[in-house]
Every structure is written in C-alpha cells, then in structure tokens.
C-alpha atoms as a PDB file:
ATOM      1  CA  MET A   1     -16.402  18.348 -16.179  1.00  0.00           C
ATOM      2  CA  ASN A   2     -15.666  19.693 -12.621  1.00  0.00           C
ATOM      3  CA  ASP A   3     -13.072  17.914 -10.474  1.00  0.00           C
ATOM      4  CA  LEU A   4     -14.666  14.568  -9.335  1.00  0.00           C
ATOM      5  CA  TYR A   5     -14.081  10.939  -8.221  1.00  0.00           C
ATOM      6  CA  TYR A   6     -16.328   8.193  -9.553  1.00  0.00           C
ATOM      7  CA  GLY A   7     -15.964   4.694  -8.039  1.00  0.00           C
ATOM      8  CA  LEU A   8     -16.527   2.222 -10.890  1.00  0.00           C
ATOM      9  CA  ALA A   9     -15.775  -0.902  -8.692  1.00  0.00           C
ATOM     10  CA  SER A  10     -14.493  -1.647  -5.298  1.00  0.00           C
ATOM     11  CA  GLY A  11     -13.846  -4.844  -3.401  1.00  0.00           C
ATOM     12  CA  SER A  12     -12.367  -8.444  -3.693  1.00  0.00           C
ATOM     13  CA  THR A  13     -13.878  -9.031  -7.237  1.00  0.00           C
ATOM     14  CA  GLY A  14     -12.684  -5.878  -9.008  1.00  0.00           C
ATOM     15  CA  ASN A  15     -11.466  -2.322  -8.469  1.00  0.00           C
ATOM     16  CA  ALA A  16     -11.432   0.684 -10.754  1.00  0.00           C
ATOM     17  CA  GLY A  17     -11.943   4.462 -10.212  1.00  0.00           C
ATOM     18  CA  LEU A  18     -12.329   7.594 -12.434  1.00  0.00           C
ATOM     19  CA  LEU A  19     -10.613  10.727 -11.178  1.00  0.00           C
ATOM     20  CA  VAL A  20     -11.164  14.024 -13.047  1.00  0.00           C
ATOM     21  CA  LEU A  21      -8.800  16.722 -11.777  1.00  0.00           C
ATOM     22  CA  ASP A  22      -7.903  19.859 -13.538  1.00  0.00           C
ATOM     23  CA  ASN A  23      -9.525  18.756 -16.855  1.00  0.00           C
ATOM     24  CA  THR A  24      -7.335  15.609 -16.805  1.00  0.00           C
ATOM     25  CA  TYR A  25      -8.891  12.127 -16.755  1.00  0.00           C
ATOM     26  CA  PHE A  26      -7.308   9.277 -14.874  1.00  0.00           C
ATOM     27  CA  LEU A  27      -8.532   5.566 -14.628  1.00  0.00           C
ATOM     28  CA  ILE A  28      -6.957   4.155 -11.412  1.00  0.00           C
ATOM     29  CA  ASP A  29      -6.864   0.444 -11.857  1.00  0.00           C
ATOM     30  CA  LEU A  30      -8.724  -1.754 -14.388  1.00  0.00           C
ATOM     31  CA  GLY A  31     -10.458  -4.368 -12.444  1.00  0.00           C
ATOM     32  CA  VAL A  32     -13.538  -4.526 -14.697  1.00  0.00           C
ATOM     33  CA  SER A  33     -13.941  -5.714 -18.300  1.00  0.00           C
ATOM     34  CA  VAL A  34     -13.481  -3.284 -21.077  1.00  0.00           C
ATOM     35  CA  ARG A  35     -17.127  -3.739 -21.938  1.00  0.00           C
ATOM     36  CA  ARG A  36     -18.049  -2.808 -18.445  1.00  0.00           C
ATOM     37  CA  LEU A  37     -15.734   0.193 -18.490  1.00  0.00           C
ATOM     38  CA  LYS A  38     -17.333   1.551 -21.526  1.00  0.00           C
ATOM     39  CA  SER A  39     -20.733   1.171 -20.131  1.00  0.00           C
ATOM     40  CA  LEU A  40     -19.694   3.094 -16.941  1.00  0.00           C
ATOM     41  CA  LEU A  41     -17.911   5.806 -18.809  1.00  0.00           C
ATOM     42  CA  ASP A  42     -20.999   6.183 -21.054  1.00  0.00           C
ATOM     43  CA  LYS A  43     -23.101   7.178 -17.998  1.00  0.00           C
ATOM     44  CA  GLN A  44     -20.854  10.180 -17.521  1.00  0.00           C
ATOM     45  CA  GLY A  45     -20.890  11.128 -21.214  1.00  0.00           C
ATOM     46  CA  LEU A  46     -17.322   9.789 -21.741  1.00  0.00           C
ATOM     47  CA  VAL A  47     -15.566   7.215 -23.914  1.00  0.00           C
ATOM     48  CA  ILE A  48     -12.341   5.387 -23.244  1.00  0.00           C
ATOM     49  CA  GLU A  49     -10.505   7.694 -25.691  1.00  0.00           C
ATOM     50  CA  ASP A  50     -11.157  10.595 -23.210  1.00  0.00           C
ATOM     51  CA  LEU A  51      -8.761   9.037 -20.674  1.00  0.00           C
ATOM     52  CA  ASP A  52      -5.513  10.684 -20.398  1.00  0.00           C
ATOM     53  CA  ALA A  53      -3.820   7.864 -18.345  1.00  0.00           C
ATOM     54  CA  VAL A  54      -4.387   4.472 -16.678  1.00  0.00           C
ATOM     55  CA  LEU A  55      -2.583   4.090 -13.363  1.00  0.00           C
ATOM     56  CA  ILE A  56      -2.206   0.587 -12.083  1.00  0.00           C
ATOM     57  CA  THR A  57      -1.471   0.027  -8.274  1.00  0.00           C
ATOM     58  CA  HIS A  58      -0.346  -3.582  -8.708  1.00  0.00           C
ATOM     59  CA  GLU A  59      -0.811  -6.714 -10.788  1.00  0.00           C
ATOM     60  CA  HIS A  60      -3.222  -8.721  -8.836  1.00  0.00           C
ATOM     61  CA  SER A  61      -6.268  -9.888 -10.908  1.00  0.00           C
ATOM     62  CA  ASP A  62      -8.860  -7.631  -9.170  1.00  0.00           C
ATOM     63  CA  HIS A  63      -6.919  -4.625 -10.389  1.00  0.00           C
ATOM     64  CA  ILE A  64      -6.079  -5.572 -13.991  1.00  0.00           C
ATOM     65  CA  LYS A  65      -9.019  -7.798 -15.099  1.00  0.00           C
ATOM     66  CA  GLY A  66      -9.599  -5.793 -18.253  1.00  0.00           C
ATOM     67  CA  LEU A  67      -6.059  -4.926 -19.174  1.00  0.00           C
ATOM     68  CA  ALA A  68      -5.475  -7.722 -21.803  1.00  0.00           C
ATOM     69  CA  THR A  69      -8.413  -6.429 -23.869  1.00  0.00           C
ATOM     70  CA  PHE A  70      -7.557  -2.870 -23.183  1.00  0.00           C
ATOM     71  CA  VAL A  71      -4.028  -3.027 -24.557  1.00  0.00           C
ATOM     72  CA  LYS A  72      -5.186  -4.779 -27.768  1.00  0.00           C
ATOM     73  CA  ASN A  73      -7.608  -1.906 -28.586  1.00  0.00           C
ATOM     74  CA  TYR A  74      -6.405   1.319 -26.988  1.00  0.00           C
ATOM     75  CA  ASP A  75      -3.139   3.273 -26.868  1.00  0.00           C
ATOM     76  CA  THR A  76      -3.698   5.099 -23.636  1.00  0.00           C
ATOM     77  CA  PRO A  77      -0.506   5.311 -21.548  1.00  0.00           C
ATOM     78  CA  ILE A  78      -0.327   2.935 -18.550  1.00  0.00           C
ATOM     79  CA  TYR A  79       1.566   4.197 -15.448  1.00  0.00           C
ATOM     80  CA  THR A  80       2.766   1.625 -12.954  1.00  0.00           C
ATOM     81  CA  ALA A  81       5.798   1.003 -10.812  1.00  0.00           C
ATOM     82  CA  CYS A  82       8.762  -0.832 -12.387  1.00  0.00           C
ATOM     83  CA  GLY A  83       8.345  -4.085 -10.573  1.00  0.00           C
ATOM     84  CA  THR A  84       4.628  -4.167 -11.514  1.00  0.00           C
ATOM     85  CA  ALA A  85       5.505  -3.268 -15.159  1.00  0.00           C
ATOM     86  CA  GLU A  86       7.860  -6.366 -15.391  1.00  0.00           C
ATOM     87  CA  ALA A  87       5.028  -8.548 -13.922  1.00  0.00           C
ATOM     88  CA  LEU A  88       2.569  -7.188 -16.384  1.00  0.00           C
ATOM     89  CA  LEU A  89       4.935  -7.669 -19.465  1.00  0.00           C
ATOM     90  CA  GLU A  90       5.231 -11.348 -18.476  1.00  0.00           C
ATOM     91  CA  LYS A  91       1.339 -11.706 -19.043  1.00  0.00           C
ATOM     92  CA  TYR A  92       0.921  -8.972 -21.790  1.00  0.00           C
ATOM     93  CA  PRO A  93       4.072  -8.507 -23.722  1.00  0.00           C
ATOM     94  CA  ASN A  94       2.142  -6.341 -26.220  1.00  0.00           C
ATOM     95  CA  ALA A  95       1.761  -3.741 -23.567  1.00  0.00           C
ATOM     96  CA  ARG A  96       5.332  -2.626 -23.733  1.00  0.00           C
ATOM     97  CA  GLU A  97       4.775   0.506 -25.845  1.00  0.00           C
ATOM     98  CA  GLN A  98       2.064   1.734 -23.660  1.00  0.00           C
ATOM     99  CA  LEU A  99       3.823   1.160 -20.202  1.00  0.00           C
ATOM    100  CA  ARG A 100       5.239   4.240 -18.462  1.00  0.00           C
ATOM    101  CA  PRO A 101       7.186   2.572 -15.692  1.00  0.00           C
ATOM    102  CA  PHE A 102       8.361   4.601 -12.647  1.00  0.00           C
ATOM    103  CA  TYR A 103      10.218   4.006  -9.367  1.00  0.00           C
ATOM    104  CA  CYS A 104       8.085   4.216  -6.345  1.00  0.00           C
ATOM    105  CA  GLY A 105       8.566   7.576  -4.762  1.00  0.00           C
ATOM    106  CA  ALA A 106       8.810   9.415  -8.079  1.00  0.00           C
ATOM    107  CA  SER A 107       6.821  12.292  -9.154  1.00  0.00           C
ATOM    108  CA  PHE A 108       5.588  12.923 -12.734  1.00  0.00           C
ATOM    109  CA  THR A 109       3.121  15.304 -14.540  1.00  0.00           C
ATOM    110  CA  ILE A 110       0.078  14.171 -16.610  1.00  0.00           C
ATOM    111  CA  GLY A 111      -1.696  17.107 -18.147  1.00  0.00           C
ATOM    112  CA  ASP A 112      -1.547  19.810 -15.529  1.00  0.00           C
ATOM    113  CA  VAL A 113      -1.627  17.471 -12.561  1.00  0.00           C
ATOM    114  CA  LYS A 114       1.312  16.381 -10.529  1.00  0.00           C
ATOM    115  CA  VAL A 115       1.285  12.662  -9.614  1.00  0.00           C
ATOM    116  CA  THR A 116       3.412  11.494  -6.638  1.00  0.00           C
ATOM    117  CA  SER A 117       3.837   7.791  -6.227  1.00  0.00           C
ATOM    118  CA  PHE A 118       4.778   5.941  -3.084  1.00  0.00           C
ATOM    119  CA  ALA A 119       5.359   2.300  -2.227  1.00  0.00           C
ATOM    120  CA  THR A 120       2.777   0.265  -0.222  1.00  0.00           C
ATOM    121  CA  PRO A 121       3.301  -2.806   1.763  1.00  0.00           C
ATOM    122  CA  HIS A 122       1.303  -5.508  -0.030  1.00  0.00           C
ATOM    123  CA  ASP A 123       2.171  -8.987  -1.347  1.00  0.00           C
ATOM    124  CA  ALA A 124       2.627  -7.911  -4.885  1.00  0.00           C
ATOM    125  CA  ALA A 125       5.748  -7.244  -6.974  1.00  0.00           C
ATOM    126  CA  ASP A 126       5.857  -3.437  -6.492  1.00  0.00           C
ATOM    127  CA  SER A 127       2.649  -2.093  -4.991  1.00  0.00           C
ATOM    128  CA  ALA A 128       2.025   1.734  -5.120  1.00  0.00           C
ATOM    129  CA  GLY A 129      -0.419   4.403  -4.006  1.00  0.00           C
ATOM    130  CA  PHE A 130      -0.788   7.839  -5.471  1.00  0.00           C
ATOM    131  CA  ARG A 131      -1.270  11.378  -4.617  1.00  0.00           C
ATOM    132  CA  PHE A 132      -2.623  13.836  -7.242  1.00  0.00           C
ATOM    133  CA  THR A 133      -2.064  17.566  -7.089  1.00  0.00           C
ATOM    134  CA  GLY A 134      -3.977  19.696  -9.520  1.00  0.00           C
ATOM    135  CA  GLY A 135      -5.726  23.010  -9.399  1.00  0.00           C
ATOM    136  CA  GLN A 136      -7.059  23.530  -5.744  1.00  0.00           C
ATOM    137  CA  CYS A 137      -7.200  19.861  -4.872  1.00  0.00           C
ATOM    138  CA  ASP A 138      -4.917  17.144  -3.429  1.00  0.00           C
ATOM    139  CA  PHE A 139      -6.396  13.740  -3.881  1.00  0.00           C
ATOM    140  CA  GLY A 140      -4.915  10.549  -2.248  1.00  0.00           C
ATOM    141  CA  TYR A 141      -5.503   6.985  -3.229  1.00  0.00           C
ATOM    142  CA  LEU A 142      -4.514   4.117  -0.968  1.00  0.00           C
ATOM    143  CA  THR A 143      -5.891   0.497  -1.111  1.00  0.00           C
ATOM    144  CA  ASP A 144      -4.140  -2.958  -0.712  1.00  0.00           C
ATOM    145  CA  VAL A 145      -1.898  -1.913   2.228  1.00  0.00           C
ATOM    146  CA  GLY A 146      -1.205  -4.185   5.149  1.00  0.00           C
ATOM    147  CA  PHE A 147      -0.384  -1.296   7.525  1.00  0.00           C
ATOM    148  CA  ILE A 148       0.367   2.415   7.513  1.00  0.00           C
ATOM    149  CA  PRO A 149       4.181   2.964   7.445  1.00  0.00           C
ATOM    150  CA  ALA A 150       5.620   6.422   7.994  1.00  0.00           C
ATOM    151  CA  SER A 151       6.366   6.987   4.288  1.00  0.00           C
ATOM    152  CA  VAL A 152       2.760   6.305   3.365  1.00  0.00           C
ATOM    153  CA  ARG A 153       1.538   8.633   6.165  1.00  0.00           C
ATOM    154  CA  GLU A 154       3.757  11.409   5.037  1.00  0.00           C
ATOM    155  CA  ALA A 155       2.627  10.935   1.264  1.00  0.00           C
ATOM    156  CA  LEU A 156      -1.035  11.562   2.156  1.00  0.00           C
ATOM    157  CA  LEU A 157      -1.286  13.812   5.159  1.00  0.00           C
ATOM    158  CA  GLY A 158      -2.765  17.253   3.945  1.00  0.00           C
ATOM    159  CA  CYS A 159      -4.865  15.689   1.184  1.00  0.00           C
ATOM    160  CA  ASP A 160      -8.219  17.199   0.657  1.00  0.00           C
ATOM    161  CA  ALA A 161      -9.844  13.894  -0.381  1.00  0.00           C
ATOM    162  CA  VAL A 162      -8.498  10.342   0.190  1.00  0.00           C
ATOM    163  CA  VAL A 163      -9.789   6.943  -1.105  1.00  0.00           C
ATOM    164  CA  LEU A 164      -8.773   4.822   1.834  1.00  0.00           C
ATOM    165  CA  GLU A 165      -8.961   1.020   2.244  1.00  0.00           C
ATOM    166  CA  SER A 166     -11.129  -0.416   5.028  1.00  0.00           C
ATOM    167  CA  ASN A 167     -10.991  -4.012   4.110  1.00  0.00           C
ATOM    168  CA  HIS A 168     -11.927  -6.153   7.004  1.00  0.00           C
ATOM    169  CA  ASP A 169     -13.300  -6.400  10.537  1.00  0.00           C
ATOM    170  CA  PRO A 170     -10.780  -8.526  12.531  1.00  0.00           C
ATOM    171  CA  GLU A 171     -13.437 -10.632  14.174  1.00  0.00           C
ATOM    172  CA  MET A 172     -15.345 -11.311  11.092  1.00  0.00           C
ATOM    173  CA  LEU A 173     -12.038 -12.424   9.549  1.00  0.00           C
ATOM    174  CA  TYR A 174     -11.173 -14.728  12.439  1.00  0.00           C
ATOM    175  CA  TYR A 175     -14.533 -16.421  12.633  1.00  0.00           C
ATOM    176  CA  GLY A 176     -15.257 -16.233   8.934  1.00  0.00           C
ATOM    177  CA  PRO A 177     -14.869 -18.891   6.057  1.00  0.00           C
ATOM    178  CA  TYR A 178     -11.258 -18.097   5.201  1.00  0.00           C
ATOM    179  CA  PRO A 179      -8.688 -20.883   5.998  1.00  0.00           C
ATOM    180  CA  ALA A 180      -5.927 -20.028   8.446  1.00  0.00           C
ATOM    181  CA  TYR A 181      -3.263 -19.283   5.849  1.00  0.00           C
ATOM    182  CA  LEU A 182      -5.505 -16.814   3.964  1.00  0.00           C
ATOM    183  CA  GLN A 183      -6.532 -15.171   7.265  1.00  0.00           C
ATOM    184  CA  GLU A 184      -2.920 -14.658   8.079  1.00  0.00           C
ATOM    185  CA  ARG A 185      -2.341 -13.143   4.712  1.00  0.00           C
ATOM    186  CA  VAL A 186      -5.091 -10.766   4.859  1.00  0.00           C
ATOM    187  CA  ALA A 187      -4.362  -9.619   8.411  1.00  0.00           C
ATOM    188  CA  GLY A 188      -0.537  -9.617   7.836  1.00  0.00           C
ATOM    189  CA  PRO A 189       1.736  -6.678   7.254  1.00  0.00           C
ATOM    190  CA  ARG A 190       1.625  -7.166   3.460  1.00  0.00           C
ATOM    191  CA  GLY A 191      -2.254  -7.846   3.307  1.00  0.00           C
ATOM    192  CA  HIS A 192      -5.089  -5.520   3.717  1.00  0.00           C
ATOM    193  CA  LEU A 193      -6.043  -2.692   6.143  1.00  0.00           C
ATOM    194  CA  SER A 194      -8.520  -3.486   8.828  1.00  0.00           C
ATOM    195  CA  ASN A 195     -11.409  -1.348   9.851  1.00  0.00           C
ATOM    196  CA  PRO A 196      -9.663  -0.266  13.224  1.00  0.00           C
ATOM    197  CA  ASP A 197      -6.392   0.588  11.352  1.00  0.00           C
ATOM    198  CA  CYS A 198      -8.305   2.546   8.759  1.00  0.00           C
ATOM    199  CA  ALA A 199     -10.066   4.503  11.414  1.00  0.00           C
ATOM    200  CA  LYS A 200      -6.939   5.329  13.194  1.00  0.00           C
ATOM    201  CA  PHE A 201      -5.370   6.668  10.039  1.00  0.00           C
ATOM    202  CA  ALA A 202      -8.632   8.524   9.036  1.00  0.00           C
ATOM    203  CA  VAL A 203      -8.175  10.403  12.365  1.00  0.00           C
ATOM    204  CA  GLU A 204      -4.809  11.482  11.349  1.00  0.00           C
ATOM    205  CA  LEU A 205      -5.875  12.474   7.875  1.00  0.00           C
ATOM    206  CA  VAL A 206      -8.780  14.671   9.097  1.00  0.00           C
ATOM    207  CA  LYS A 207      -6.586  16.314  11.584  1.00  0.00           C
ATOM    208  CA  SER A 208      -4.239  17.281   8.746  1.00  0.00           C
ATOM    209  CA  GLY A 209      -6.972  18.838   6.696  1.00  0.00           C
ATOM    210  CA  THR A 210      -8.673  15.966   4.898  1.00  0.00           C
ATOM    211  CA  GLU A 211     -12.358  16.851   4.198  1.00  0.00           C
ATOM    212  CA  GLN A 212     -13.610  13.823   2.156  1.00  0.00           C
ATOM    213  CA  LEU A 213     -12.933  10.195   2.966  1.00  0.00           C
ATOM    214  CA  ILE A 214     -14.117   7.343   0.634  1.00  0.00           C
ATOM    215  CA  LEU A 215     -13.794   3.941   2.294  1.00  0.00           C
ATOM    216  CA  SER A 216     -12.975   1.334  -0.262  1.00  0.00           C
ATOM    217  CA  HIS A 217     -11.987  -2.190  -1.016  1.00  0.00           C
ATOM    218  CA  LEU A 218     -14.395  -3.794   1.416  1.00  0.00           C
ATOM    219  CA  SER A 219     -14.234  -7.503   1.677  1.00  0.00           C
ATOM    220  CA  ASP A 220     -17.407  -9.373   0.655  1.00  0.00           C
ATOM    221  CA  LYS A 221     -16.907 -12.014   3.389  1.00  0.00           C
ATOM    222  CA  ASN A 222     -15.173 -10.259   6.293  1.00  0.00           C
ATOM    223  CA  ASN A 223     -16.738  -6.762   6.343  1.00  0.00           C
ATOM    224  CA  THR A 224     -19.965  -4.761   5.829  1.00  0.00           C
ATOM    225  CA  PRO A 225     -20.384  -1.095   4.791  1.00  0.00           C
ATOM    226  CA  SER A 226     -22.183  -0.425   8.206  1.00  0.00           C
ATOM    227  CA  MET A 227     -19.194  -1.829  10.192  1.00  0.00           C
ATOM    228  CA  ALA A 228     -16.620   0.049   8.215  1.00  0.00           C
ATOM    229  CA  ARG A 229     -18.533   3.339   8.478  1.00  0.00           C
ATOM    230  CA  MET A 230     -19.247   2.903  12.177  1.00  0.00           C
ATOM    231  CA  GLU A 231     -15.557   2.157  13.097  1.00  0.00           C
ATOM    232  CA  THR A 232     -14.365   5.239  11.358  1.00  0.00           C
ATOM    233  CA  GLU A 233     -17.232   7.453  12.568  1.00  0.00           C
ATOM    234  CA  ALA A 234     -16.544   6.354  16.148  1.00  0.00           C
ATOM    235  CA  ALA A 235     -12.908   7.259  15.883  1.00  0.00           C
ATOM    236  CA  LEU A 236     -13.667  10.653  14.460  1.00  0.00           C
ATOM    237  CA  MET A 237     -16.391  11.336  16.859  1.00  0.00           C
ATOM    238  CA  ALA A 238     -14.038  10.488  19.871  1.00  0.00           C
ATOM    239  CA  GLU A 239     -11.800  13.192  18.614  1.00  0.00           C
ATOM    240  CA  LYS A 240     -14.594  15.635  17.932  1.00  0.00           C
ATOM    241  CA  LEU A 241     -13.767  15.553  14.131  1.00  0.00           C
ATOM    242  CA  HIS A 242     -16.091  15.682  11.235  1.00  0.00           C
ATOM    243  CA  CYS A 243     -15.690  15.058   7.499  1.00  0.00           C
ATOM    244  CA  ALA A 244     -17.692  13.854   4.636  1.00  0.00           C
ATOM    245  CA  LEU A 245     -17.510  10.161   4.826  1.00  0.00           C
ATOM    246  CA  MET A 246     -18.584   7.873   2.068  1.00  0.00           C
ATOM    247  CA  ILE A 247     -18.507   4.118   1.357  1.00  0.00           C
ATOM    248  CA  ALA A 248     -17.451   2.967  -2.214  1.00  0.00           C
ATOM    249  CA  PRO A 249     -19.958   0.180  -3.162  1.00  0.00           C
ATOM    250  CA  LYS A 250     -18.964  -3.078  -4.722  1.00  0.00           C
ATOM    251  CA  ASP A 251     -20.371  -1.697  -8.129  1.00  0.00           C
ATOM    252  CA  GLU A 252     -20.264   1.811  -9.218  1.00  0.00           C
ATOM    253  CA  MET A 253     -21.351   4.762  -7.055  1.00  0.00           C
ATOM    254  CA  GLN A 254     -24.740   6.139  -7.761  1.00  0.00           C
ATOM    255  CA  GLU A 255     -23.295   9.571  -8.422  1.00  0.00           C
ATOM    256  CA  PRO A 256     -19.727  10.990  -8.863  1.00  0.00           C
ATOM    257  CA  ILE A 257     -18.357  12.807  -5.828  1.00  0.00           C
ATOM    258  CA  PRO A 258     -17.510  16.437  -6.487  1.00  0.00           C
ATOM    259  CA  LEU A 259     -14.112  17.268  -4.926  1.00  0.00           C
ATOM    260  CA  ALA A 260     -14.271  20.185  -2.760  1.00  0.00           C
ATOM    261  CA  GLY A 261     -10.638  21.282  -2.877  1.00  0.00           C
ATOM    262  CA  LYS A 262      -9.030  23.954  -0.740  1.00  0.00           C
ATOM    263  CA  GLU A 263     -11.225  26.767  -1.654  1.00  0.00           C
ATOM    264  CA  VAL A 264     -14.650  25.206  -1.099  1.00  0.00           C
ATOM    265  CA  ARG A 265     -14.498  23.204   2.137  1.00  0.00           C
ATOM    266  CA  VAL A 266     -16.950  20.421   2.872  1.00  0.00           C
ATOM    267  CA  CYS A 267     -17.104  19.654   6.561  1.00  0.00           C
ATOM    268  CA  CYS A 268     -20.088  17.788   7.869  1.00  0.00           C
ATOM    269  CA  PRO A 269     -21.088  14.666   9.657  1.00  0.00           C
ATOM    270  CA  SER A 270     -21.088  11.626   7.400  1.00  0.00           C
ATOM    271  CA  ALA A 271     -24.237  11.006   5.447  1.00  0.00           C
END
C-alpha cells in the first residue's frame, strides 16, 4: 500500500486516523469502537493485526473510546506521553504491558519511520502531537491545541502534509449553545484551535513547503466545514499561496489521501 492518510473519525464525538508511511501502519488515536475500527480497516483490505503501532495524543474520551476493548483483545504497542500513560493506567491497568511511554520531545523509530513527539497546550495530562518522517514524506499531526507555541511551530514547519485542527469559529462559539465556562475552556490557551488561528498557521506551513493540509477536529456546534475551509483559503489566497486543502469529515473520509512526499509535489487550489 502506498503512503496515505485515511481519516476514520474527526470531531467532538470521536477521533482516529490511519497513517501508512514507508510500509508502516499507524493508528493515531482510538476514538471509535473496536467494532467500528474493524469495519473501517476492512474497507482498506486491512485487519487490526496489520497495525504496527497505536499512538494516543491524550486521554480525553473522544480519543480513547475504543481503548478498553482494544487492550483486552490485541497486543499492538501503544505509544503515548508519560503523563498520558499514567492517566490511562488508572482506567486500564491491564494496558501496562502494551504501553510505550515517552517524554514529550523525544524521537523514536517504528519500522523504518522516525516519530518525533512534541508537547501541545491542551487541558489534558500530557498532550502530544507528532511528526512522522519516512521515505520521501514528512507528515505532521496536530489537534487539540489551544494556540501555536514556538515549539509546535518548529516541530511542524517543513512537513509535506499536515493534519491541523480547525475547531471553531469564534462568533459561532460566542453566540452558540455552550455555557460561558465551556466557551472559555474551548477558546482558552489550553483549549482548541480556532479557524482564524488555524488559517494563520496554515500560511506559515505552506510557506515552509507544506503541500497538503487536512483540516480536522471541527466542532459540531461551533463550526461548519465551509467556514473552516473559507477561513484558511482566504488566508492562503491573500498571500498568493496554494496547496491541496481537504476537510476531514466527522465520519470516515470517502477515500484515503495519497501522500505526495518530496519527489511528487501536489500544489493546486483546494478542491
């Protein structure tokens, strides 16, 4: 199977993605049931046993929904930051043998792929994002982040493809159904990335060489796919920049996204 990314779920109710890079199979987050995961992998001709690793960004329920069943039935190694590993062990003590804790900022190798972790500002025990380097492609994954600190920026600049949170429109959040305390949490520095902040960082990424952007983790109540897309498109157009721009739907993507990598550049207006 060629290098690809396949969004299995994205949003407030569940998050999971399949990354295939240099013949290594990664599941990023497990915010769907194991039954659902089996069904989604089957569409790609895969089974859970094909996964080389599961990477968990943090312990919130929309990222670990299927973990309890998973650790009972499969021995796939699960990589997560040390603080997240501790939080998971409180819920799932039988996961101890599968967990591969790391300190945020550490790099490690899975298959022939180098994985570089970095800390993200979010209201979780030890939230992390990832950069994957394998073959001709650098792939970044960043969701559940209140803002873009310099360390996150440095970790992702130069990636060929990036999954990037575009969680909420500030006005929709302000006038929407969330109570004040929840609005403050979402919009705060340890909450979620707004459409404008996503667009601003998207410009930096594309200037650094990013050719594919996948906007993800859109709020059901405080965003729409068209608003997220228009915000980032407008920012890129203002700088006369173009890239392949996609929106990760709430459920699985219709088709996996082939990752272009450094040798086969994809640079076009968003579809």
